[in-house]
Amino acid sequence: IRETTLKPSASRYHLATGTRVVPYRDALSPGSPYNASAIITDFESVIRSFGPTIVMFPSSLDLNPDHQAAYLYVTAALHDLGANPERYTYLVHQRNFPVPRLYSPSAILAPPSFVTSLPVALYTLPLSTAETRLKYRATLLYQSQTDVSYGLLASFARRNELFLADDHLHLSLETIPFFLIPTDFMLQKVGRNFELRSLTASKPTQTTLRLALRSPAVPSADSVIVVSIFPLTDGIPFAEQPKIVVTLQRGQQADVVDLTSGSSLMNRVTTTDQGTSVTIDIDIPDVAKASLLILHVEAGYRDLELYSTPWQVFRMSQGNSAD
């Protein structure tokens, strides 16, 4: 997302294909640039032509960055179209999932333990023996994938399918948990002080959105927190909405940019350190009117790899305050 900045004029160079555009003649849009805007347009085209009542797409809790991006793109496409189908997500890449990681057609596909602790509804779809066998045979057709990930992919041919409801938490003055992908190996490197614990929101004025993020300890002088804030405001296409990225370094003025325009927003966004909390005030009317808010947080130490949360979508209240 940052590399293509969500602009139609940008395109990411793909090492595997050696091009910046889709080279496949049988693709939906041959010659389309490799960027977020083009991908969302393709999703919207498919959704508009098919009119689905149920949409199943990758979970933002997936560890694969492509799958996380797909979650964001589908969410944006559905918003742009004003579509409201039933939404379910699924996991593929996650630590210790599935168990065991091998072809086990008689086994149950159970969720990772951390997922069961989240406020997310889980659904399972039983499969017959014939359906499980057919799924396995279909998986083998994707040779480019099974050549490198056979054990993982074969382990999904089981007695059931597993889905997570894509229900957006209501963001308000009430403290709500921030979804965290368990990455203990990373947290051990950067310290658990960066593990975000909760999030609240309010609207001090009609045009201002205030976010408060809380961590378990006061950040150190060499800490870095990068907060990506993508509003979804009804009636405004996702491509035209601001993509706000706030970079916080303790004791220094925050850097705030809009990925859509590339311009600085330091005169529209103010931040305040309050011990273990960071408050971000965004004085942009269209952000304050957003019906949904997509958030992503990276945190850690300067010049080191940052700990990353999943993209998480929150439902916003309307009115004078988010309550």
C-alpha atoms as a PDB file:
ATOM      1  CA  ILE A   1       0.000   0.000   0.000  1.00  0.00           C
ATOM      2  CA  ARG A   2       2.742   2.465   0.914  1.00  0.00           C
ATOM      3  CA  GLU A   3       4.768   1.569  -2.184  1.00  0.00           C
ATOM      4  CA  THR A   4       1.903   2.258  -4.583  1.00  0.00           C
ATOM      5  CA  THR A   5       0.359   5.020  -2.410  1.00  0.00           C
ATOM      6  CA  LEU A   6      -3.064   3.934  -3.698  1.00  0.00           C
ATOM      7  CA  LYS A   7      -2.718   6.246  -6.716  1.00  0.00           C
ATOM      8  CA  PRO A   8      -3.940   5.088 -10.165  1.00  0.00           C
ATOM      9  CA  SER A   9      -0.755   6.497 -11.728  1.00  0.00           C
ATOM     10  CA  ALA A  10       1.570   4.377  -9.562  1.00  0.00           C
ATOM     11  CA  SER A  11       2.528   0.760 -10.191  1.00  0.00           C
ATOM     12  CA  ARG A  12       4.722  -1.676  -8.313  1.00  0.00           C
ATOM     13  CA  TYR A  13       7.435  -3.574 -10.163  1.00  0.00           C
ATOM     14  CA  HIS A  14       6.929  -7.335  -9.800  1.00  0.00           C
ATOM     15  CA  LEU A  15      10.170  -9.304  -9.699  1.00  0.00           C
ATOM     16  CA  ALA A  16       8.579 -12.618 -10.709  1.00  0.00           C
ATOM     17  CA  THR A  17       6.906 -11.266 -13.868  1.00  0.00           C
ATOM     18  CA  GLY A  18       9.427  -8.498 -14.626  1.00  0.00           C
ATOM     19  CA  THR A  19       6.711  -5.966 -15.303  1.00  0.00           C
ATOM     20  CA  ARG A  20       4.576  -3.280 -13.659  1.00  0.00           C
ATOM     21  CA  VAL A  21       1.329  -4.426 -15.291  1.00  0.00           C
ATOM     22  CA  VAL A  22      -0.724  -7.631 -15.399  1.00  0.00           C
ATOM     23  CA  PRO A  23       0.896  -9.745 -18.174  1.00  0.00           C
ATOM     24  CA  TYR A  24      -1.726 -12.523 -18.377  1.00  0.00           C
ATOM     25  CA  ARG A  25      -4.114 -12.469 -21.335  1.00  0.00           C
ATOM     26  CA  ASP A  26      -6.749 -14.480 -19.470  1.00  0.00           C
ATOM     27  CA  ALA A  27      -6.779 -12.096 -16.491  1.00  0.00           C
ATOM     28  CA  LEU A  28      -9.795  -9.921 -15.741  1.00  0.00           C
ATOM     29  CA  SER A  29      -7.879  -6.771 -16.738  1.00  0.00           C
ATOM     30  CA  PRO A  30      -4.755  -7.512 -18.844  1.00  0.00           C
ATOM     31  CA  GLY A  31      -2.311  -4.616 -18.769  1.00  0.00           C
ATOM     32  CA  SER A  32      -3.755  -3.248 -15.535  1.00  0.00           C
ATOM     33  CA  PRO A  33      -1.116  -1.651 -13.267  1.00  0.00           C
ATOM     34  CA  TYR A  34       0.069  -3.369 -10.111  1.00  0.00           C
ATOM     35  CA  ASN A  35      -1.470  -1.060  -7.519  1.00  0.00           C
ATOM     36  CA  ALA A  36      -4.187  -0.996  -4.892  1.00  0.00           C
ATOM     37  CA  SER A  37      -6.532   1.219  -6.896  1.00  0.00           C
ATOM     38  CA  ALA A  38      -6.577  -1.179  -9.862  1.00  0.00           C
ATOM     39  CA  ILE A  39      -7.115  -4.210  -7.628  1.00  0.00           C
ATOM     40  CA  ILE A  40     -10.057  -2.566  -5.861  1.00  0.00           C
ATOM     41  CA  THR A  41     -11.551  -1.617  -9.244  1.00  0.00           C
ATOM     42  CA  ASP A  42     -11.342  -5.272 -10.344  1.00  0.00           C
ATOM     43  CA  PHE A  43     -13.015  -6.442  -7.134  1.00  0.00           C
ATOM     44  CA  GLU A  44     -15.787  -3.900  -7.626  1.00  0.00           C
ATOM     45  CA  SER A  45     -16.303  -5.077 -11.209  1.00  0.00           C
ATOM     46  CA  VAL A  46     -16.712  -8.702 -10.117  1.00  0.00           C
ATOM     47  CA  ILE A  47     -18.963  -7.875  -7.159  1.00  0.00           C
ATOM     48  CA  ARG A  48     -21.143  -5.577  -9.282  1.00  0.00           C
ATOM     49  CA  SER A  49     -21.612  -8.171 -12.022  1.00  0.00           C
ATOM     50  CA  PHE A  50     -22.244 -11.097  -9.690  1.00  0.00           C
ATOM     51  CA  GLY A  51     -24.189  -9.427  -6.869  1.00  0.00           C
ATOM     52  CA  PRO A  52     -23.139 -11.889  -4.130  1.00  0.00           C
ATOM     53  CA  THR A  53     -25.215 -12.338  -1.000  1.00  0.00           C
ATOM     54  CA  ILE A  54     -22.273 -13.984   0.813  1.00  0.00           C
ATOM     55  CA  VAL A  55     -18.600 -12.994   0.485  1.00  0.00           C
ATOM     56  CA  MET A  56     -15.732 -15.085   1.871  1.00  0.00           C
ATOM     57  CA  PHE A  57     -12.262 -13.559   1.826  1.00  0.00           C
ATOM     58  CA  PRO A  58      -8.914 -13.765   3.670  1.00  0.00           C
ATOM     59  CA  SER A  59      -8.782 -12.772   7.331  1.00  0.00           C
ATOM     60  CA  SER A  60      -6.764  -9.756   8.432  1.00  0.00           C
ATOM     61  CA  LEU A  61      -5.371 -12.070  11.136  1.00  0.00           C
ATOM     62  CA  ASP A  62      -3.513 -14.009   8.443  1.00  0.00           C
ATOM     63  CA  LEU A  63       0.268 -13.640   8.634  1.00  0.00           C
ATOM     64  CA  ASN A  64       0.629 -13.384   4.842  1.00  0.00           C
ATOM     65  CA  PRO A  65       0.852  -9.686   3.831  1.00  0.00           C
ATOM     66  CA  ASP A  66      -0.924 -10.399   0.523  1.00  0.00           C
ATOM     67  CA  HIS A  67      -3.843 -11.948   2.405  1.00  0.00           C
ATOM     68  CA  GLN A  68      -3.987  -8.982   4.788  1.00  0.00           C
ATOM     69  CA  ALA A  69      -4.055  -6.621   1.803  1.00  0.00           C
ATOM     70  CA  ALA A  70      -6.814  -8.680   0.142  1.00  0.00           C
ATOM     71  CA  TYR A  71      -8.922  -8.193   3.279  1.00  0.00           C
ATOM     72  CA  LEU A  72      -8.442  -4.436   3.030  1.00  0.00           C
ATOM     73  CA  TYR A  73      -9.210  -4.330  -0.710  1.00  0.00           C
ATOM     74  CA  VAL A  74     -12.438  -6.352  -0.408  1.00  0.00           C
ATOM     75  CA  THR A  75     -13.581  -4.189   2.508  1.00  0.00           C
ATOM     76  CA  ALA A  76     -12.936  -1.052   0.443  1.00  0.00           C
ATOM     77  CA  ALA A  77     -14.712  -2.467  -2.626  1.00  0.00           C
ATOM     78  CA  LEU A  78     -17.819  -3.440  -0.682  1.00  0.00           C
ATOM     79  CA  HIS A  79     -17.923   0.017   0.896  1.00  0.00           C
ATOM     80  CA  ASP A  80     -17.573   1.809  -2.445  1.00  0.00           C
ATOM     81  CA  LEU A  81     -20.452  -0.214  -3.897  1.00  0.00           C
ATOM     82  CA  GLY A  82     -22.654   0.211  -0.839  1.00  0.00           C
ATOM     83  CA  ALA A  83     -22.960  -3.581  -0.804  1.00  0.00           C
ATOM     84  CA  ASN A  84     -23.901  -5.343   2.415  1.00  0.00           C
ATOM     85  CA  PRO A  85     -23.630  -9.123   1.913  1.00  0.00           C
ATOM     86  CA  GLU A  86     -22.913 -11.563   4.701  1.00  0.00           C
ATOM     87  CA  ARG A  87     -19.142 -11.499   5.251  1.00  0.00           C
ATOM     88  CA  TYR A  88     -16.928 -14.323   6.456  1.00  0.00           C
ATOM     89  CA  THR A  89     -13.147 -14.584   6.506  1.00  0.00           C
ATOM     90  CA  TYR A  90     -10.770 -17.516   6.647  1.00  0.00           C
ATOM     91  CA  LEU A  91      -7.227 -18.173   7.847  1.00  0.00           C
ATOM     92  CA  VAL A  92      -4.432 -19.827   5.871  1.00  0.00           C
ATOM     93  CA  HIS A  93      -1.112 -18.628   7.250  1.00  0.00           C
ATOM     94  CA  GLN A  94      -0.882 -18.636  11.030  1.00  0.00           C
ATOM     95  CA  ARG A  95       1.489 -20.093  13.602  1.00  0.00           C
ATOM     96  CA  ASN A  96       0.679 -23.657  14.664  1.00  0.00           C
ATOM     97  CA  PHE A  97      -2.264 -23.864  12.278  1.00  0.00           C
ATOM     98  CA  PRO A  98      -3.588 -26.249  11.142  1.00  0.00           C
ATOM     99  CA  VAL A  99      -2.541 -29.022  13.521  1.00  0.00           C
ATOM    100  CA  PRO A 100      -1.169 -31.380  12.378  1.00  0.00           C
ATOM    101  CA  ARG A 101       0.215 -29.748   9.251  1.00  0.00           C
ATOM    102  CA  LEU A 102      -0.247 -32.664   6.880  1.00  0.00           C
ATOM    103  CA  TYR A 103      -2.989 -34.388   4.904  1.00  0.00           C
ATOM    104  CA  SER A 104      -5.481 -35.531   7.575  1.00  0.00           C
ATOM    105  CA  PRO A 105      -8.900 -35.985   5.933  1.00  0.00           C
ATOM    106  CA  SER A 106     -10.475 -37.444   9.083  1.00  0.00           C
ATOM    107  CA  ALA A 107      -9.322 -34.578  11.328  1.00  0.00           C
ATOM    108  CA  ILE A 108     -11.247 -31.444  12.344  1.00  0.00           C
ATOM    109  CA  LEU A 109      -9.999 -28.025  11.227  1.00  0.00           C
ATOM    110  CA  ALA A 110      -9.840 -26.218  14.576  1.00  0.00           C
ATOM    111  CA  PRO A 111      -9.020 -22.501  14.986  1.00  0.00           C
ATOM    112  CA  PRO A 112      -5.757 -21.271  16.539  1.00  0.00           C
ATOM    113  CA  SER A 113      -6.151 -20.865  20.293  1.00  0.00           C
ATOM    114  CA  PHE A 114      -5.769 -17.065  20.200  1.00  0.00           C
ATOM    115  CA  VAL A 115      -8.716 -16.716  17.803  1.00  0.00           C
ATOM    116  CA  THR A 116     -11.105 -18.313  20.291  1.00  0.00           C
ATOM    117  CA  SER A 117     -10.230 -15.564  22.802  1.00  0.00           C
ATOM    118  CA  LEU A 118     -11.281 -12.760  20.418  1.00  0.00           C
ATOM    119  CA  PRO A 119     -14.809 -11.298  20.219  1.00  0.00           C
ATOM    120  CA  VAL A 120     -15.332 -12.980  16.844  1.00  0.00           C
ATOM    121  CA  ALA A 121     -18.009 -15.511  15.976  1.00  0.00           C
ATOM    122  CA  LEU A 122     -16.695 -18.764  14.486  1.00  0.00           C
ATOM    123  CA  TYR A 123     -18.589 -20.946  12.029  1.00  0.00           C
ATOM    124  CA  THR A 124     -17.844 -24.438  10.815  1.00  0.00           C
ATOM    125  CA  LEU A 125     -19.223 -26.078   7.674  1.00  0.00           C
ATOM    126  CA  PRO A 126     -19.201 -29.903   7.763  1.00  0.00           C
ATOM    127  CA  LEU A 127     -17.885 -31.670   4.668  1.00  0.00           C
ATOM    128  CA  SER A 128     -18.685 -35.175   3.524  1.00  0.00           C
ATOM    129  CA  THR A 129     -15.906 -37.656   2.820  1.00  0.00           C
ATOM    130  CA  ALA A 130     -16.451 -37.174  -0.907  1.00  0.00           C
ATOM    131  CA  GLU A 131     -16.290 -33.371  -0.577  1.00  0.00           C
ATOM    132  CA  THR A 132     -13.064 -33.562   1.442  1.00  0.00           C
ATOM    133  CA  ARG A 133     -11.520 -35.853  -1.164  1.00  0.00           C
ATOM    134  CA  LEU A 134     -12.627 -33.531  -3.980  1.00  0.00           C
ATOM    135  CA  LYS A 135     -11.151 -30.524  -2.187  1.00  0.00           C
ATOM    136  CA  TYR A 136      -7.831 -32.325  -1.847  1.00  0.00           C
ATOM    137  CA  ARG A 137      -7.767 -33.193  -5.555  1.00  0.00           C
ATOM    138  CA  ALA A 138      -8.588 -29.591  -6.450  1.00  0.00           C
ATOM    139  CA  THR A 139      -5.730 -28.368  -4.238  1.00  0.00           C
ATOM    140  CA  LEU A 140      -3.255 -30.552  -6.141  1.00  0.00           C
ATOM    141  CA  LEU A 141      -4.113 -28.694  -9.367  1.00  0.00           C
ATOM    142  CA  TYR A 142      -2.311 -25.613  -8.024  1.00  0.00           C
ATOM    143  CA  GLN A 143       1.133 -27.057  -8.610  1.00  0.00           C
ATOM    144  CA  SER A 144       3.019 -23.761  -8.242  1.00  0.00           C
ATOM    145  CA  GLN A 145       1.685 -23.561  -4.697  1.00  0.00           C
ATOM    146  CA  THR A 146       1.845 -27.211  -3.662  1.00  0.00           C
ATOM    147  CA  ASP A 147       5.456 -27.423  -4.861  1.00  0.00           C
ATOM    148  CA  VAL A 148       6.450 -25.077  -2.023  1.00  0.00           C
ATOM    149  CA  SER A 149       3.626 -25.489   0.519  1.00  0.00           C
ATOM    150  CA  TYR A 150       2.181 -28.972   0.080  1.00  0.00           C
ATOM    151  CA  GLY A 151       2.023 -29.790   3.793  1.00  0.00           C
ATOM    152  CA  LEU A 152       0.176 -26.582   4.624  1.00  0.00           C
ATOM    153  CA  LEU A 153      -2.311 -26.709   1.757  1.00  0.00           C
ATOM    154  CA  ALA A 154      -3.032 -30.423   2.059  1.00  0.00           C
ATOM    155  CA  SER A 155      -3.822 -29.972   5.753  1.00  0.00           C
ATOM    156  CA  PHE A 156      -6.943 -27.947   4.866  1.00  0.00           C
ATOM    157  CA  ALA A 157      -8.630 -30.988   3.296  1.00  0.00           C
ATOM    158  CA  ARG A 158     -10.499 -32.013   6.451  1.00  0.00           C
ATOM    159  CA  ARG A 159     -13.967 -32.786   7.754  1.00  0.00           C
ATOM    160  CA  ASN A 160     -15.016 -29.147   7.855  1.00  0.00           C
ATOM    161  CA  GLU A 161     -14.425 -25.611   6.632  1.00  0.00           C
ATOM    162  CA  LEU A 162     -13.727 -22.894   9.217  1.00  0.00           C
ATOM    163  CA  PHE A 163     -14.849 -19.259   8.922  1.00  0.00           C
ATOM    164  CA  LEU A 164     -14.737 -16.113  11.067  1.00  0.00           C
ATOM    165  CA  ALA A 165     -17.591 -13.610  10.972  1.00  0.00           C
ATOM    166  CA  ASP A 166     -16.423 -10.221   9.706  1.00  0.00           C
ATOM    167  CA  ASP A 167     -18.306  -8.248  12.348  1.00  0.00           C
ATOM    168  CA  HIS A 168     -16.791  -4.816  12.945  1.00  0.00           C
ATOM    169  CA  LEU A 169     -16.395  -3.762  16.565  1.00  0.00           C
ATOM    170  CA  HIS A 170     -18.124  -0.543  17.601  1.00  0.00           C
ATOM    171  CA  LEU A 171     -15.479   2.109  18.337  1.00  0.00           C
ATOM    172  CA  SER A 172     -16.541   4.460  21.143  1.00  0.00           C
ATOM    173  CA  LEU A 173     -15.542   5.927  24.509  1.00  0.00           C
ATOM    174  CA  GLU A 174     -15.806   2.418  25.903  1.00  0.00           C
ATOM    175  CA  THR A 175     -12.428   0.678  25.875  1.00  0.00           C
ATOM    176  CA  ILE A 176     -12.291  -2.148  23.365  1.00  0.00           C
ATOM    177  CA  PRO A 177      -9.467  -4.610  22.701  1.00  0.00           C
ATOM    178  CA  PHE A 178      -7.141  -4.243  19.767  1.00  0.00           C
ATOM    179  CA  PHE A 179      -6.790  -7.474  17.815  1.00  0.00           C
ATOM    180  CA  LEU A 180      -3.249  -8.775  18.056  1.00  0.00           C
ATOM    181  CA  ILE A 181      -1.639 -11.426  15.888  1.00  0.00           C
ATOM    182  CA  PRO A 182       0.474 -13.530  18.277  1.00  0.00           C
ATOM    183  CA  THR A 183       4.071 -12.854  17.300  1.00  0.00           C
ATOM    184  CA  ASP A 184       5.886 -13.603  20.530  1.00  0.00           C
ATOM    185  CA  PHE A 185       9.174 -13.996  18.711  1.00  0.00           C
ATOM    186  CA  MET A 186       8.907 -10.388  17.538  1.00  0.00           C
ATOM    187  CA  LEU A 187       7.687  -9.035  20.856  1.00  0.00           C
ATOM    188  CA  GLN A 188      10.652 -10.658  22.584  1.00  0.00           C
ATOM    189  CA  LYS A 189      12.912  -8.651  20.278  1.00  0.00           C
ATOM    190  CA  VAL A 190      11.193  -5.276  20.651  1.00  0.00           C
ATOM    191  CA  GLY A 191       9.772  -5.674  24.163  1.00  0.00           C
ATOM    192  CA  ARG A 192       6.171  -6.192  25.249  1.00  0.00           C
ATOM    193  CA  ASN A 193       5.807  -2.480  25.997  1.00  0.00           C
ATOM    194  CA  PHE A 194       4.694  -2.082  22.380  1.00  0.00           C
ATOM    195  CA  GLU A 195       1.865  -4.607  22.567  1.00  0.00           C
ATOM    196  CA  LEU A 196      -1.210  -2.419  22.162  1.00  0.00           C
ATOM    197  CA  ARG A 197      -3.903  -3.299  24.645  1.00  0.00           C
ATOM    198  CA  SER A 198      -6.903  -1.102  23.919  1.00  0.00           C
ATOM    199  CA  LEU A 199      -8.416   1.673  21.854  1.00  0.00           C
ATOM    200  CA  THR A 200     -11.078   4.330  22.394  1.00  0.00           C
ATOM    201  CA  ALA A 201     -12.574   7.076  20.239  1.00  0.00           C
ATOM    202  CA  SER A 202     -14.526  10.278  20.738  1.00  0.00           C
ATOM    203  CA  LYS A 203     -15.535  13.398  18.814  1.00  0.00           C
ATOM    204  CA  PRO A 204     -14.644  16.581  20.729  1.00  0.00           C
ATOM    205  CA  THR A 205     -16.231  18.611  17.916  1.00  0.00           C
ATOM    206  CA  GLN A 206     -18.328  17.908  14.848  1.00  0.00           C
ATOM    207  CA  THR A 207     -15.205  17.934  12.658  1.00  0.00           C
ATOM    208  CA  THR A 208     -12.674  16.249  14.945  1.00  0.00           C
ATOM    209  CA  LEU A 209     -12.056  12.569  15.607  1.00  0.00           C
ATOM    210  CA  ARG A 210      -9.986  11.677  18.683  1.00  0.00           C
ATOM    211  CA  LEU A 211      -8.303   8.280  19.016  1.00  0.00           C
ATOM    212  CA  ALA A 212      -6.573   7.068  22.177  1.00  0.00           C
ATOM    213  CA  LEU A 213      -4.281   4.030  21.987  1.00  0.00           C
ATOM    214  CA  ARG A 214      -2.999   2.432  25.183  1.00  0.00           C
ATOM    215  CA  SER A 215       0.058   0.202  25.678  1.00  0.00           C
ATOM    216  CA  PRO A 216       1.152  -1.538  28.906  1.00  0.00           C
ATOM    217  CA  ALA A 217       4.097   0.793  29.645  1.00  0.00           C
ATOM    218  CA  VAL A 218       5.461   4.235  28.829  1.00  0.00           C
ATOM    219  CA  PRO A 219       7.383   4.120  25.506  1.00  0.00           C
ATOM    220  CA  SER A 220      11.130   4.685  25.689  1.00  0.00           C
ATOM    221  CA  ALA A 221      13.022   7.562  24.066  1.00  0.00           C
ATOM    222  CA  ASP A 222      14.068   5.458  21.050  1.00  0.00           C
ATOM    223  CA  SER A 223      10.638   3.967  20.414  1.00  0.00           C
ATOM    224  CA  VAL A 224       8.641   4.384  17.206  1.00  0.00           C
ATOM    225  CA  ILE A 225       4.895   3.980  16.646  1.00  0.00           C
ATOM    226  CA  VAL A 226       3.370   4.211  13.156  1.00  0.00           C
ATOM    227  CA  VAL A 227      -0.426   4.450  13.049  1.00  0.00           C
ATOM    228  CA  SER A 228      -2.242   4.088   9.708  1.00  0.00           C
ATOM    229  CA  ILE A 229      -5.783   5.507   9.736  1.00  0.00           C
ATOM    230  CA  PHE A 230      -7.988   4.891   6.686  1.00  0.00           C
ATOM    231  CA  PRO A 231     -11.544   6.306   6.999  1.00  0.00           C
ATOM    232  CA  LEU A 232     -14.467   4.962   4.988  1.00  0.00           C
ATOM    233  CA  THR A 233     -16.990   7.760   4.606  1.00  0.00           C
ATOM    234  CA  ASP A 234     -20.289   7.047   2.877  1.00  0.00           C
ATOM    235  CA  GLY A 235     -20.531   8.605  -0.575  1.00  0.00           C
ATOM    236  CA  ILE A 236     -16.763   9.047  -1.031  1.00  0.00           C
ATOM    237  CA  PRO A 237     -14.800   6.399  -3.007  1.00  0.00           C
ATOM    238  CA  PHE A 238     -12.016   4.744  -1.030  1.00  0.00           C
ATOM    239  CA  ALA A 239      -9.415   5.932  -3.563  1.00  0.00           C
ATOM    240  CA  GLU A 240     -10.341   9.580  -2.863  1.00  0.00           C
ATOM    241  CA  GLN A 241     -10.399   9.347   0.922  1.00  0.00           C
ATOM    242  CA  PRO A 242      -7.354  10.362   2.995  1.00  0.00           C
ATOM    243  CA  LYS A 243      -4.934   7.615   4.025  1.00  0.00           C
ATOM    244  CA  ILE A 244      -3.397   9.095   7.152  1.00  0.00           C
ATOM    245  CA  VAL A 245      -0.102   7.783   8.507  1.00  0.00           C
ATOM    246  CA  VAL A 246       1.096   9.155  11.852  1.00  0.00           C
ATOM    247  CA  THR A 247       4.708   8.439  12.880  1.00  0.00           C
ATOM    248  CA  LEU A 248       5.347   8.993  16.590  1.00  0.00           C
ATOM    249  CA  GLN A 249       8.735   9.202  18.281  1.00  0.00           C
ATOM    250  CA  ARG A 250       8.715  10.013  21.960  1.00  0.00           C
ATOM    251  CA  GLY A 251       9.818  13.570  22.724  1.00  0.00           C
ATOM    252  CA  GLN A 252       9.605  14.636  19.075  1.00  0.00           C
ATOM    253  CA  GLN A 253       6.942  16.218  16.924  1.00  0.00           C
ATOM    254  CA  ALA A 254       4.873  13.652  15.109  1.00  0.00           C
ATOM    255  CA  ASP A 255       5.117  13.314  11.333  1.00  0.00           C
ATOM    256  CA  VAL A 256       1.744  13.073   9.580  1.00  0.00           C
ATOM    257  CA  VAL A 257       1.222  12.440   5.858  1.00  0.00           C
ATOM    258  CA  ASP A 258      -1.671  11.585   3.554  1.00  0.00           C
ATOM    259  CA  LEU A 259      -0.767   8.677   1.276  1.00  0.00           C
ATOM    260  CA  THR A 260      -3.464   9.669  -1.213  1.00  0.00           C
ATOM    261  CA  SER A 261      -2.142  13.179  -1.890  1.00  0.00           C
ATOM    262  CA  GLY A 262       1.392  12.799  -0.547  1.00  0.00           C
ATOM    263  CA  SER A 263       0.934  16.027   1.408  1.00  0.00           C
ATOM    264  CA  SER A 264       1.685  16.762   5.047  1.00  0.00           C
ATOM    265  CA  LEU A 265      -1.246  16.874   7.481  1.00  0.00           C
ATOM    266  CA  MET A 266       0.693  18.192  10.466  1.00  0.00           C
ATOM    267  CA  ASN A 267      -1.593  21.257  10.605  1.00  0.00           C
ATOM    268  CA  ARG A 268      -4.702  19.027  10.733  1.00  0.00           C
ATOM    269  CA  VAL A 269      -3.549  16.264  13.068  1.00  0.00           C
ATOM    270  CA  THR A 270      -2.175  16.734  16.593  1.00  0.00           C
ATOM    271  CA  THR A 271      -0.805  14.107  18.962  1.00  0.00           C
ATOM    272  CA  THR A 272      -0.351  14.029  22.718  1.00  0.00           C
ATOM    273  CA  ASP A 273       1.695  11.618  24.856  1.00  0.00           C
ATOM    274  CA  GLN A 274      -0.122  10.769  28.079  1.00  0.00           C
ATOM    275  CA  GLY A 275       2.020   8.199  29.843  1.00  0.00           C
ATOM    276  CA  THR A 276       0.966   4.842  28.484  1.00  0.00           C
ATOM    277  CA  SER A 277      -1.537   6.423  26.084  1.00  0.00           C
ATOM    278  CA  VAL A 278      -1.160   8.293  22.828  1.00  0.00           C
ATOM    279  CA  THR A 279      -3.985  10.606  21.758  1.00  0.00           C
ATOM    280  CA  ILE A 280      -4.429  11.504  18.083  1.00  0.00           C
ATOM    281  CA  ASP A 281      -6.801  14.360  17.168  1.00  0.00           C
ATOM    282  CA  ILE A 282      -7.769  14.483  13.476  1.00  0.00           C
ATOM    283  CA  ASP A 283      -9.463  17.744  12.453  1.00  0.00           C
ATOM    284  CA  ILE A 284     -10.755  16.626   9.050  1.00  0.00           C
ATOM    285  CA  PRO A 285     -14.552  16.709   8.552  1.00  0.00           C
ATOM    286  CA  ASP A 286     -14.724  13.704   6.207  1.00  0.00           C
ATOM    287  CA  VAL A 287     -12.773  11.596   8.737  1.00  0.00           C
ATOM    288  CA  ALA A 288     -15.071  12.652  11.580  1.00  0.00           C
ATOM    289  CA  LYS A 289     -18.072  11.611   9.414  1.00  0.00           C
ATOM    290  CA  ALA A 290     -16.628   8.187   8.575  1.00  0.00           C
ATOM    291  CA  SER A 291     -18.927   5.222   9.106  1.00  0.00           C
ATOM    292  CA  LEU A 292     -15.976   2.808   9.259  1.00  0.00           C
ATOM    293  CA  LEU A 293     -12.368   3.268  10.316  1.00  0.00           C
ATOM    294  CA  ILE A 294      -9.544   0.969   9.249  1.00  0.00           C
ATOM    295  CA  LEU A 295      -6.554   0.995  11.604  1.00  0.00           C
ATOM    296  CA  HIS A 296      -3.111  -0.559  11.481  1.00  0.00           C
ATOM    297  CA  VAL A 297      -0.276  -0.044  13.978  1.00  0.00           C
ATOM    298  CA  GLU A 298       3.435  -0.756  13.782  1.00  0.00           C
ATOM    299  CA  ALA A 299       5.627  -0.274  16.851  1.00  0.00           C
ATOM    300  CA  GLY A 300       9.149  -0.952  18.036  1.00  0.00           C
ATOM    301  CA  TYR A 301      12.567   0.644  18.240  1.00  0.00           C
ATOM    302  CA  ARG A 302      14.069   3.064  15.753  1.00  0.00           C
ATOM    303  CA  ASP A 303      16.041   1.381  12.930  1.00  0.00           C
ATOM    304  CA  LEU A 304      14.746  -2.105  13.851  1.00  0.00           C
ATOM    305  CA  GLU A 305      11.962  -4.206  12.361  1.00  0.00           C
ATOM    306  CA  LEU A 306       8.635  -3.065  13.773  1.00  0.00           C
ATOM    307  CA  TYR A 307       5.954  -5.176  15.439  1.00  0.00           C
ATOM    308  CA  SER A 308       2.755  -5.042  13.381  1.00  0.00           C
ATOM    309  CA  THR A 309      -0.944  -5.458  14.168  1.00  0.00           C
ATOM    310  CA  PRO A 310      -3.478  -6.692  11.609  1.00  0.00           C
ATOM    311  CA  TRP A 311      -5.684  -4.282   9.693  1.00  0.00           C
ATOM    312  CA  GLN A 312      -8.772  -3.895  11.854  1.00  0.00           C
ATOM    313  CA  VAL A 313     -12.081  -2.343  10.820  1.00  0.00           C
ATOM    314  CA  PHE A 314     -14.174  -0.469  13.382  1.00  0.00           C
ATOM    315  CA  ARG A 315     -17.722   0.818  13.094  1.00  0.00           C
ATOM    316  CA  MET A 316     -18.082   4.485  14.051  1.00  0.00           C
ATOM    317  CA  SER A 317     -20.925   6.265  15.821  1.00  0.00           C
ATOM    318  CA  GLN A 318     -22.387   9.396  14.321  1.00  0.00           C
ATOM    319  CA  GLY A 319     -23.238  12.546  16.246  1.00  0.00           C
ATOM    320  CA  ASN A 320     -21.348  14.861  18.566  1.00  0.00           C
ATOM    321  CA  SER A 321     -19.375  12.097  20.233  1.00  0.00           C
ATOM    322  CA  ALA A 322     -18.481   8.494  19.530  1.00  0.00           C
ATOM    323  CA  ASP A 323     -20.524   6.960  22.302  1.00  0.00           C
END
